[in-house]
Amino acid sequence: MAAKDAGLDVARIEKDLASPEIKATISENMKLADDMDMNGTPSYVIGKQIVIGAVGLEGLKEKIGIARCGKATC
């Protein structure tokens, strides 16, 4: 398990994931993602754009530039 390999407290993670509060938060986020047609990870909302998938640093910089000033670089 990646969490264990990273040195995280797996028992605590499993306990937290079983809590009603965490389950409700995950459910709410899943519904929001579904409502926005965000069906992959990572996903970002940048300005008025929805970006799905790993577009890389340059791709993110371009999307942020468009959101800030209407072109890839400001």
Protein backbone atom coordinates (compact mmCIF):
# COMPACT_ATOMS: atom_id res chain seq x y z
CA MET A 1 0.00 0.00 0.00
CA ALA A 2 1.36 3.41 -0.96
CA ALA A 3 0.28 5.02 2.31
CA LYS A 4 2.19 2.46 4.36
CA ASP A 5 5.24 2.76 2.10
CA ALA A 6 5.13 6.54 2.66
CA GLY A 7 5.21 5.98 6.42
CA LEU A 8 1.63 7.07 7.08
CA ASP A 9 -0.56 5.66 9.85
CA VAL A 10 -2.72 3.28 7.81
CA ALA A 11 -4.96 2.36 10.75
CA ARG A 12 -5.71 6.05 11.33
CA ILE A 13 -6.44 6.59 7.63
CA GLU A 14 -8.84 3.64 7.56
CA LYS A 15 -10.56 4.89 10.74
CA ASP A 16 -10.88 8.42 9.35
CA LEU A 17 -12.26 7.17 6.02
CA ALA A 18 -14.99 5.28 7.88
CA SER A 19 -16.22 8.41 9.67
CA PRO A 20 -19.59 9.87 8.59
CA GLU A 21 -18.04 13.33 8.15
CA ILE A 22 -15.36 12.09 5.74
CA LYS A 23 -17.85 9.91 3.85
CA ALA A 24 -20.18 12.92 3.45
CA THR A 25 -17.35 15.15 2.26
CA ILE A 26 -16.18 12.60 -0.31
CA SER A 27 -19.77 12.07 -1.49
CA GLU A 28 -20.30 15.83 -1.84
CA ASN A 29 -17.07 16.21 -3.81
CA MET A 30 -17.94 13.29 -6.08
CA LYS A 31 -21.36 14.83 -6.82
CA LEU A 32 -19.79 18.20 -7.58
CA ALA A 33 -17.25 16.58 -9.91
CA ASP A 34 -20.03 14.62 -11.62
CA ASP A 35 -22.15 17.77 -12.03
CA MET A 36 -19.16 19.49 -13.67
CA ASP A 37 -18.36 16.45 -15.90
CA MET A 38 -14.98 16.12 -14.22
CA ASN A 39 -14.29 12.43 -14.71
CA GLY A 40 -10.54 12.14 -14.30
CA THR A 41 -7.67 13.05 -12.07
CA PRO A 42 -6.14 15.39 -11.71
CA SER A 43 -8.85 17.91 -12.55
CA TYR A 44 -8.73 21.66 -12.13
CA VAL A 45 -11.06 24.62 -12.46
CA ILE A 46 -8.99 27.52 -13.76
CA GLY A 47 -11.04 30.63 -14.34
CA LYS A 48 -13.92 29.48 -16.55
CA GLN A 49 -12.01 26.44 -17.83
CA ILE A 50 -12.24 22.87 -16.61
CA VAL A 51 -8.98 21.04 -17.16
CA ILE A 52 -9.04 17.26 -16.87
CA GLY A 53 -5.91 15.18 -16.82
CA ALA A 54 -2.21 15.77 -16.34
CA VAL A 55 -1.52 18.62 -18.75
CA GLY A 56 1.92 19.36 -17.32
CA LEU A 57 3.40 22.53 -15.93
CA GLU A 58 3.45 24.40 -19.24
CA GLY A 59 -0.15 23.46 -19.94
CA LEU A 60 -1.21 24.72 -16.52
CA LYS A 61 0.75 27.96 -17.00
CA GLU A 62 -1.02 28.49 -20.32
CA LYS A 63 -4.48 27.88 -18.82
CA ILE A 64 -3.71 30.24 -15.91
CA GLY A 65 -2.50 32.91 -18.33
CA ILE A 66 -5.71 32.63 -20.32
CA ALA A 67 -7.75 32.95 -17.11
CA ARG A 68 -5.75 35.96 -15.94
CA CYS A 69 -5.37 38.03 -19.07
CA GLY A 70 -7.03 36.25 -22.00
CA LYS A 71 -3.83 34.86 -23.57
CA ALA A 72 -1.29 32.16 -22.79
CA THR A 73 1.28 34.58 -21.39
CA CYS A 74 0.46 37.93 -19.81
